[in-house]
Amino acid sequence: MKVLLQRMIGIGALMLVCSSMTARAQTGTTRIVTAANGFLATLDEKQRQSVVYAFDDEKQRATWSNLPVTFVPRGGISLKDMTAAQRSAAMAVLAAALSAKGFEKVQQIMEGDEVLKATDNGQPPRGNGNAPPPGDRNGPPPGAPQGNRPPGGGPPGGAMFGKDLYYISILGKPSEKEPWMLQFGGHHLALNITIAGERGILTPTLTGAQPALFTSGGKTVRPLGGESDKALALLNALDEGEKKQAILSFRLADLVLGPGQDGKTIQPEGLKASAMNDKQRAMLLDVIAEWAGIIHESEAAARMAQLKADIAETWFAWSGPTTAAAGKNIAAYYRIQGPHLVIEYAPQTLGGDPSLHVHTMYRDPTNDYGRGIVGK
């Protein structure tokens, strides 16, 4: 009996070890690849042809925007054109690629667009009404495409807003070894996720919201609330001399390195983190984590380790109002910039209250689209 009991315990322990190994095997890249292949299996041949692109398709890679799809058509297939099973499979790919918090943020951005659909007055977006003045040293380069503005004329027709007007596309073949890319986006959202072995690169990615504060199920929702509150807390943690360095003497009212600005660079400005104390640098890293933490946890940890190592060479700059009402978003632009990082937070005047319409940008100038790893 004793021998039998020992054998049973041994078998149980072995099962636990195997279960643990299986769980580990299903994390990270394996989980994402499995979900992506599961989604592709739900599509018919015509749909797959619409969704799958060559990994080196530069045109599709750069086909993203903050604007509605009626102004800037996206590649791939929209949630609106999927069956319920296909939509579920598509969202499962996102859930696998993102952290729980990142996935929630994406869902809130999409839900906000549904709110906008219900409250829209029918007027097409006109971009930002307060673009940087001509000659602003950190405005888009002369002659560069204005990625945050709709092209001349009105939209070609159809609905502009709604949580079903988000598109998914895949560049390359989902693989645990070879590089490939997942794109998901629509109005105020552009996720560009390059998977290269165990690495996951989230840049360039645009997150935005309009309205950036709304009520759902009796609860107040602020998709970009952390980005606003943590940055303001950091500004308030600076002494007067530090604030004078951080706050720019001119106004910035839109993304400088937004859509259409791939490969562009800007000079760091503001307060360098090497001049901050340990608490302030920790607060700066906490702001950065709002973007770096969108991707799944294992890659987010690696990314944050890289950015923490860079922190002494990272800059924090602020432009605009330095206060905000409790529970409301800031109406100021800010930028965080380091050797492997550019973050921008840019409230928009369209709609009247800039705190309710926000664009943000997240880049790695050395590794957007995973170029620093895959070389393409």
Protein backbone atom coordinates (compact mmCIF):
# COMPACT_ATOMS: atom_id res chain seq x y z
CA MET A 1 0.00 0.00 0.00
CA LYS A 2 2.85 2.35 0.90
CA VAL A 3 4.60 1.63 -2.41
CA LEU A 4 1.37 2.25 -4.33
CA LEU A 5 0.87 5.56 -2.51
CA GLN A 6 4.44 6.64 -3.34
CA ARG A 7 3.89 5.79 -7.00
CA MET A 8 0.65 7.78 -7.07
CA ILE A 9 2.41 10.79 -5.53
CA GLY A 10 5.20 10.44 -8.06
CA ILE A 11 2.77 10.30 -10.96
CA GLY A 12 0.93 13.34 -9.60
CA ALA A 13 4.16 15.29 -9.30
CA LEU A 14 5.11 14.35 -12.85
CA MET A 15 1.72 15.53 -14.12
CA LEU A 16 2.19 18.86 -12.34
CA VAL A 17 5.64 19.29 -13.90
CA CYS A 18 4.29 18.46 -17.37
CA SER A 19 1.36 20.84 -16.87
CA SER A 20 3.78 23.59 -15.83
CA MET A 21 5.97 22.95 -18.87
CA THR A 22 2.93 23.04 -21.15
CA ALA A 23 1.79 26.34 -19.63
CA ARG A 24 5.23 27.83 -20.19
CA ALA A 25 5.29 26.51 -23.75
CA GLN A 26 1.99 28.28 -24.42
CA THR A 27 3.21 31.72 -23.38
CA GLY A 28 4.70 34.45 -25.52
CA THR A 29 5.31 33.73 -29.18
CA THR A 30 3.73 30.26 -29.21
CA ARG A 31 0.47 31.63 -27.84
CA ILE A 32 0.37 34.44 -30.40
CA VAL A 33 1.21 32.17 -33.34
CA THR A 34 -1.43 29.65 -32.26
CA ALA A 35 -4.07 32.37 -32.02
CA ALA A 36 -3.09 33.90 -35.38
CA ASN A 37 -3.26 30.55 -37.16
CA GLY A 38 -6.58 29.85 -35.46
CA PHE A 39 -7.94 33.12 -36.82
CA LEU A 40 -6.67 32.46 -40.34
CA ALA A 41 -8.32 29.03 -40.26
CA THR A 42 -11.74 30.71 -39.85
CA LEU A 43 -11.35 32.70 -43.10
CA ASP A 44 -12.28 31.63 -46.60
CA GLU A 45 -9.74 31.95 -49.41
CA LYS A 46 -10.89 35.42 -50.50
CA GLN A 47 -10.73 36.73 -46.96
CA ARG A 48 -7.25 35.27 -46.42
CA GLN A 49 -6.05 37.02 -49.57
CA SER A 50 -7.33 40.29 -48.10
CA VAL A 51 -5.70 39.73 -44.72
CA VAL A 52 -2.26 38.29 -45.55
CA TYR A 53 0.52 40.42 -47.07
CA ALA A 54 4.19 39.81 -47.73
CA PHE A 55 6.33 40.66 -44.70
CA ASP A 56 8.30 43.18 -46.75
CA ASP A 57 5.20 44.97 -48.10
CA GLU A 58 6.29 48.53 -47.25
CA LYS A 59 3.06 50.11 -48.47
CA GLN A 60 0.85 48.04 -46.20
CA ARG A 61 3.29 48.37 -43.32
CA ALA A 62 2.84 52.16 -43.40
CA THR A 63 -0.93 52.07 -44.00
CA TRP A 64 -2.06 53.27 -40.58
CA SER A 65 -3.49 56.51 -39.27
CA ASN A 66 -5.41 58.16 -36.47
CA LEU A 67 -8.12 59.15 -38.98
CA PRO A 68 -11.35 57.23 -39.65
CA VAL A 69 -11.18 54.51 -42.28
CA THR A 70 -13.34 56.57 -44.61
CA PHE A 71 -10.44 59.01 -44.95
CA VAL A 72 -7.55 56.53 -44.82
CA PRO A 73 -8.60 53.04 -45.96
CA ARG A 74 -6.87 50.25 -44.06
CA GLY A 75 -5.68 46.95 -45.43
CA GLY A 76 -6.96 43.61 -44.21
CA ILE A 77 -10.51 42.84 -43.13
CA SER A 78 -12.75 44.76 -40.73
CA LEU A 79 -14.58 43.32 -37.75
CA LYS A 80 -17.76 44.47 -39.47
CA ASP A 81 -17.13 42.10 -42.37
CA MET A 82 -16.52 39.07 -40.17
CA THR A 83 -18.83 36.45 -38.75
CA ALA A 84 -19.21 36.30 -34.97
CA ALA A 85 -16.77 33.37 -34.83
CA GLN A 86 -14.22 35.24 -36.93
CA ARG A 87 -14.51 38.37 -34.76
CA SER A 88 -13.97 36.26 -31.67
CA ALA A 89 -10.89 34.65 -33.24
CA ALA A 90 -9.51 38.04 -34.31
CA MET A 91 -9.88 39.46 -30.81
CA ALA A 92 -8.23 36.32 -29.43
CA VAL A 93 -5.13 37.19 -31.49
CA LEU A 94 -5.05 40.62 -29.86
CA ALA A 95 -5.58 39.14 -26.42
CA ALA A 96 -2.61 36.83 -26.99
CA ALA A 97 -0.35 39.59 -28.28
CA LEU A 98 -1.21 42.15 -25.61
CA SER A 99 -1.14 42.28 -21.83
CA ALA A 100 -4.47 42.17 -20.02
CA LYS A 101 -4.17 45.91 -19.38
CA GLY A 102 -3.20 46.59 -22.99
CA PHE A 103 -6.13 44.57 -24.30
CA GLU A 104 -8.49 46.47 -22.02
CA LYS A 105 -7.09 49.79 -23.26
CA VAL A 106 -7.70 48.77 -26.88
CA GLN A 107 -11.26 47.71 -26.10
CA GLN A 108 -11.92 51.03 -24.35
CA ILE A 109 -10.60 53.00 -27.33
CA MET A 110 -12.92 51.03 -29.61
CA GLU A 111 -15.86 51.50 -27.23
CA GLY A 112 -15.17 55.23 -27.20
CA ASP A 113 -15.50 55.25 -30.98
CA GLU A 114 -18.89 53.59 -30.59
CA VAL A 115 -19.88 56.42 -28.23
CA LEU A 116 -18.65 58.93 -30.81
CA LYS A 117 -20.75 57.19 -33.45
CA ALA A 118 -23.86 57.71 -31.32
CA THR A 119 -23.12 61.37 -30.57
CA ASP A 120 -21.46 62.52 -33.81
CA ASN A 121 -23.02 65.55 -35.47
CA GLY A 122 -22.12 64.35 -38.95
CA GLN A 123 -19.20 66.74 -39.41
CA PRO A 124 -16.04 65.14 -40.80
CA PRO A 125 -12.86 65.50 -38.74
CA ARG A 126 -10.61 68.36 -39.75
CA GLY A 127 -7.43 67.37 -37.99
CA ASN A 128 -5.96 69.59 -35.33
CA GLY A 129 -7.01 73.21 -35.41
CA ASN A 130 -3.87 74.39 -33.61
CA ALA A 131 -1.00 72.94 -35.60
CA PRO A 132 2.50 74.18 -34.72
CA PRO A 133 3.13 77.53 -36.38
CA PRO A 134 5.24 77.72 -39.55
CA GLY A 135 8.91 77.45 -38.75
CA ASP A 136 8.37 75.70 -35.40
CA ARG A 137 11.59 73.77 -35.00
CA ASN A 138 9.77 70.65 -33.89
CA GLY A 139 6.91 70.71 -36.36
CA PRO A 140 6.74 68.17 -39.19
CA PRO A 141 9.52 68.74 -41.74
CA PRO A 142 8.59 71.05 -44.64
CA GLY A 143 6.77 69.21 -47.38
CA ALA A 144 6.20 66.14 -45.21
CA PRO A 145 2.79 64.44 -45.40
CA GLN A 146 0.41 65.60 -42.71
CA GLY A 147 -0.43 62.23 -41.23
CA ASN A 148 -2.82 63.69 -38.65
CA ARG A 149 -4.97 65.50 -41.20
CA PRO A 150 -7.55 64.21 -43.64
CA PRO A 151 -6.83 64.66 -47.33
CA GLY A 152 -8.60 67.42 -49.20
CA GLY A 153 -12.31 66.96 -49.66
CA GLY A 154 -14.77 64.90 -47.65
CA PRO A 155 -14.91 61.19 -46.93
CA PRO A 156 -15.89 58.78 -49.71
CA GLY A 157 -19.00 57.82 -47.84
CA GLY A 158 -20.13 55.24 -45.31
CA ALA A 159 -19.96 55.22 -41.53
CA MET A 160 -16.95 56.99 -40.05
CA PHE A 161 -17.08 55.73 -36.47
CA GLY A 162 -17.91 52.56 -34.57
CA LYS A 163 -16.19 49.66 -32.82
CA ASP A 164 -16.69 47.36 -35.81
CA LEU A 165 -14.62 49.61 -38.13
CA TYR A 166 -11.27 48.19 -37.02
CA TYR A 167 -9.12 46.14 -39.36
CA ILE A 168 -6.71 43.26 -38.88
CA SER A 169 -3.92 42.27 -41.26
CA ILE A 170 -0.92 39.96 -41.10
CA LEU A 171 2.38 40.54 -42.89
CA GLY A 172 4.29 37.32 -43.44
CA LYS A 173 3.44 33.90 -42.06
CA PRO A 174 2.81 33.47 -38.34
CA SER A 175 5.93 31.71 -37.09
CA GLU A 176 7.81 31.03 -33.87
CA LYS A 177 11.14 31.56 -35.66
CA GLU A 178 10.74 33.74 -38.76
CA PRO A 179 9.68 37.40 -38.42
CA TRP A 180 6.10 38.41 -39.17
CA MET A 181 3.83 41.29 -38.27
CA LEU A 182 0.34 41.81 -36.86
CA GLN A 183 -1.53 45.04 -37.59
CA PHE A 184 -4.79 46.09 -35.96
CA GLY A 185 -6.34 49.52 -36.15
CA GLY A 186 -8.91 52.06 -37.18
CA HIS A 187 -9.91 55.47 -35.83
CA HIS A 188 -7.53 56.50 -33.03
CA LEU A 189 -5.75 53.16 -33.00
CA ALA A 190 -2.84 51.65 -34.89
CA LEU A 191 -1.07 48.63 -33.44
CA ASN A 192 2.00 47.51 -35.39
CA ILE A 193 3.38 44.42 -33.69
CA THR A 194 6.42 42.69 -35.17
CA ILE A 195 7.08 39.18 -33.87
CA ALA A 196 10.66 37.97 -34.30
CA GLY A 197 11.27 34.72 -32.42
CA GLU A 198 10.75 35.47 -28.75
CA ARG A 199 10.82 39.22 -29.36
CA GLY A 200 7.70 41.32 -29.77
CA ILE A 201 8.06 44.91 -30.96
CA LEU A 202 5.08 47.23 -30.48
CA THR A 203 6.47 50.29 -32.26
CA PRO A 204 5.28 52.33 -34.02
CA THR A 205 1.92 52.34 -32.28
CA LEU A 206 -0.71 55.07 -32.05
CA THR A 207 -3.33 55.17 -29.32
CA GLY A 208 -5.94 57.89 -29.05
CA ALA A 209 -9.44 58.48 -27.77
CA GLN A 210 -12.50 60.57 -28.52
CA PRO A 211 -14.22 60.93 -26.20
CA ALA A 212 -11.30 60.38 -23.85
CA LEU A 213 -13.79 60.24 -20.98
CA PHE A 214 -17.18 58.56 -21.14
CA THR A 215 -19.58 56.47 -19.08
CA SER A 216 -20.18 52.78 -19.71
CA GLY A 217 -22.22 50.50 -17.51
CA GLY A 218 -22.48 53.23 -14.91
CA LYS A 219 -18.69 53.59 -14.68
CA THR A 220 -16.44 56.38 -15.88
CA VAL A 221 -14.00 55.20 -18.56
CA ARG A 222 -10.78 57.01 -19.47
CA PRO A 223 -8.84 54.90 -22.00
CA LEU A 224 -5.75 57.11 -21.62
CA GLY A 225 -6.29 58.16 -18.02
CA GLY A 226 -3.04 56.67 -16.74
CA GLU A 227 -1.04 58.47 -19.41
CA SER A 228 -2.58 61.76 -18.28
CA ASP A 229 -2.56 61.35 -14.50
CA LYS A 230 0.94 59.90 -14.16
CA ALA A 231 2.52 62.58 -16.34
CA LEU A 232 0.84 65.37 -14.37
CA ALA A 233 1.96 63.74 -11.12
CA LEU A 234 5.53 63.72 -12.41
CA LEU A 235 5.34 67.39 -13.40
CA ASN A 236 4.03 68.26 -9.94
CA ALA A 237 6.89 66.29 -8.35
CA LEU A 238 9.46 68.60 -9.97
CA ASP A 239 10.79 71.64 -8.14
CA GLU A 240 10.50 75.08 -9.68
CA GLY A 241 13.91 74.98 -11.34
CA GLU A 242 13.20 71.56 -12.83
CA LYS A 243 9.80 72.71 -14.08
CA LYS A 244 11.40 75.64 -15.86
CA GLN A 245 13.57 73.19 -17.79
CA ALA A 246 10.76 70.74 -18.50
CA ILE A 247 8.14 73.27 -19.65
CA LEU A 248 8.79 74.49 -23.19
CA SER A 249 8.53 78.17 -24.06
CA PHE A 250 6.32 77.44 -27.09
CA ARG A 251 3.12 75.53 -27.69
CA LEU A 252 2.90 72.15 -29.38
CA ALA A 253 -0.59 70.97 -30.20
CA ASP A 254 -0.20 67.86 -32.32
CA LEU A 255 1.98 64.83 -32.81
CA VAL A 256 5.35 65.67 -34.33
CA LEU A 257 6.26 62.08 -35.22
CA GLY A 258 2.77 60.76 -35.93
CA PRO A 259 1.46 58.93 -39.01
CA GLY A 260 3.49 59.58 -42.14
CA GLN A 261 6.61 60.53 -40.17
CA ASP A 262 8.47 57.21 -40.18
CA GLY A 263 12.23 57.66 -40.09
CA LYS A 264 12.08 61.31 -38.97
CA THR A 265 13.97 62.49 -35.90
CA ILE A 266 13.70 65.44 -33.53
CA GLN A 267 16.07 66.96 -30.98
CA PRO A 268 15.45 66.08 -27.32
CA GLU A 269 14.12 68.97 -25.24
CA GLY A 270 13.03 69.69 -21.71
CA LEU A 271 14.41 68.16 -18.52
CA LYS A 272 16.94 65.33 -18.71
CA ALA A 273 16.25 62.48 -16.29
CA SER A 274 19.87 62.50 -15.14
CA ALA A 275 18.92 65.75 -13.37
CA MET A 276 15.98 64.09 -11.60
CA ASN A 277 16.12 62.31 -8.25
CA ASP A 278 15.44 58.59 -7.89
CA LYS A 279 11.74 59.07 -7.07
CA GLN A 280 11.19 61.29 -10.09
CA ARG A 281 12.97 58.84 -12.40
CA ALA A 282 10.78 56.03 -11.04
CA MET A 283 7.70 58.16 -11.78
CA LEU A 284 8.99 58.78 -15.31
CA LEU A 285 9.40 55.04 -15.86
CA ASP A 286 5.84 54.57 -14.59
CA VAL A 287 4.56 56.96 -17.26
CA ILE A 288 6.56 55.11 -19.94
CA ALA A 289 5.06 51.81 -18.78
CA GLU A 290 1.61 52.96 -19.94
CA TRP A 291 2.86 52.39 -23.50
CA ALA A 292 5.55 49.75 -23.02
CA GLY A 293 3.10 47.67 -20.99
CA ILE A 294 0.53 47.38 -23.78
CA ILE A 295 2.31 44.36 -25.26
CA HIS A 296 2.24 40.95 -23.56
CA GLU A 297 3.94 40.78 -20.19
CA SER A 298 7.14 38.89 -21.08
CA GLU A 299 8.10 41.34 -23.83
CA ALA A 300 6.95 44.33 -21.77
CA ALA A 301 9.39 43.30 -19.04
CA ALA A 302 12.27 43.12 -21.53
CA ARG A 303 11.31 46.48 -23.02
CA MET A 304 11.09 48.16 -19.62
CA ALA A 305 14.52 46.78 -18.70
CA GLN A 306 15.94 48.40 -21.85
CA LEU A 307 14.26 51.73 -21.13
CA LYS A 308 15.32 51.66 -17.47
CA ALA A 309 18.92 51.23 -18.60
CA ASP A 310 18.44 54.31 -20.83
CA ILE A 311 16.77 56.44 -18.16
CA ALA A 312 19.69 58.81 -17.52
CA GLU A 313 19.64 59.74 -21.22
CA THR A 314 15.85 60.21 -21.35
CA TRP A 315 14.16 63.62 -21.56
CA PHE A 316 10.78 64.91 -20.37
CA ALA A 317 9.20 67.97 -22.04
CA TRP A 318 5.83 69.67 -21.39
CA SER A 319 3.87 72.23 -23.41
CA GLY A 320 0.59 73.74 -22.28
CA PRO A 321 -1.58 73.98 -19.14
CA THR A 322 0.02 72.59 -15.98
CA THR A 323 -3.16 71.72 -14.09
CA ALA A 324 -6.20 69.49 -14.59
CA ALA A 325 -9.37 68.91 -12.60
CA ALA A 326 -9.51 65.71 -10.58
CA GLY A 327 -10.72 62.81 -12.70
CA LYS A 328 -10.17 64.77 -15.93
CA ASN A 329 -7.44 64.50 -18.54
CA ILE A 330 -4.73 67.10 -19.04
CA ALA A 331 -4.98 69.53 -21.97
CA ALA A 332 -1.20 69.75 -22.42
CA TYR A 333 1.20 68.15 -24.87
CA TYR A 334 4.14 66.22 -23.46
CA ARG A 335 6.99 64.19 -24.88
CA ILE A 336 9.35 61.57 -23.48
CA GLN A 337 12.43 60.88 -25.55
CA GLY A 338 15.44 58.61 -25.10
CA PRO A 339 17.92 56.58 -27.16
CA HIS A 340 15.29 53.91 -27.91
CA LEU A 341 12.10 55.84 -27.27
CA VAL A 342 9.80 58.64 -28.40
CA ILE A 343 6.44 59.06 -26.67
CA GLU A 344 4.06 61.92 -27.47
CA TYR A 345 0.78 62.85 -25.81
CA ALA A 346 -1.17 65.45 -27.80
CA PRO A 347 -4.68 66.70 -26.88
CA GLN A 348 -6.71 67.95 -29.85
CA THR A 349 -8.91 71.06 -30.10
CA LEU A 350 -11.41 69.39 -32.44
CA GLY A 351 -14.61 68.98 -30.43
CA GLY A 352 -13.99 71.99 -28.21
CA ASP A 353 -12.42 70.41 -25.11
CA PRO A 354 -8.88 69.17 -25.84
CA SER A 355 -8.93 66.97 -22.74
CA LEU A 356 -11.65 64.87 -24.38
CA HIS A 357 -9.80 64.23 -27.66
CA VAL A 358 -6.30 62.82 -27.37
CA HIS A 359 -3.69 61.41 -29.76
CA THR A 360 -0.58 59.60 -28.52
CA MET A 361 2.42 58.09 -30.29
CA TYR A 362 4.90 55.41 -29.22
CA ARG A 363 8.09 54.81 -31.23
CA ASP A 364 11.53 53.29 -31.01
CA PRO A 365 13.69 55.24 -33.50
CA THR A 366 16.13 52.33 -33.60
CA ASN A 367 13.58 49.53 -33.97
CA ASP A 368 10.23 50.67 -35.45
CA TYR A 369 8.66 47.73 -37.30
CA GLY A 370 11.41 45.58 -35.77
CA ARG A 371 13.97 46.90 -38.26
CA GLY A 372 16.70 46.86 -35.66
CA ILE A 373 16.24 43.12 -35.25
CA VAL A 374 15.13 41.81 -38.65
CA GLY A 375 16.87 44.41 -40.83
CA LYS A 376 13.85 44.90 -43.13
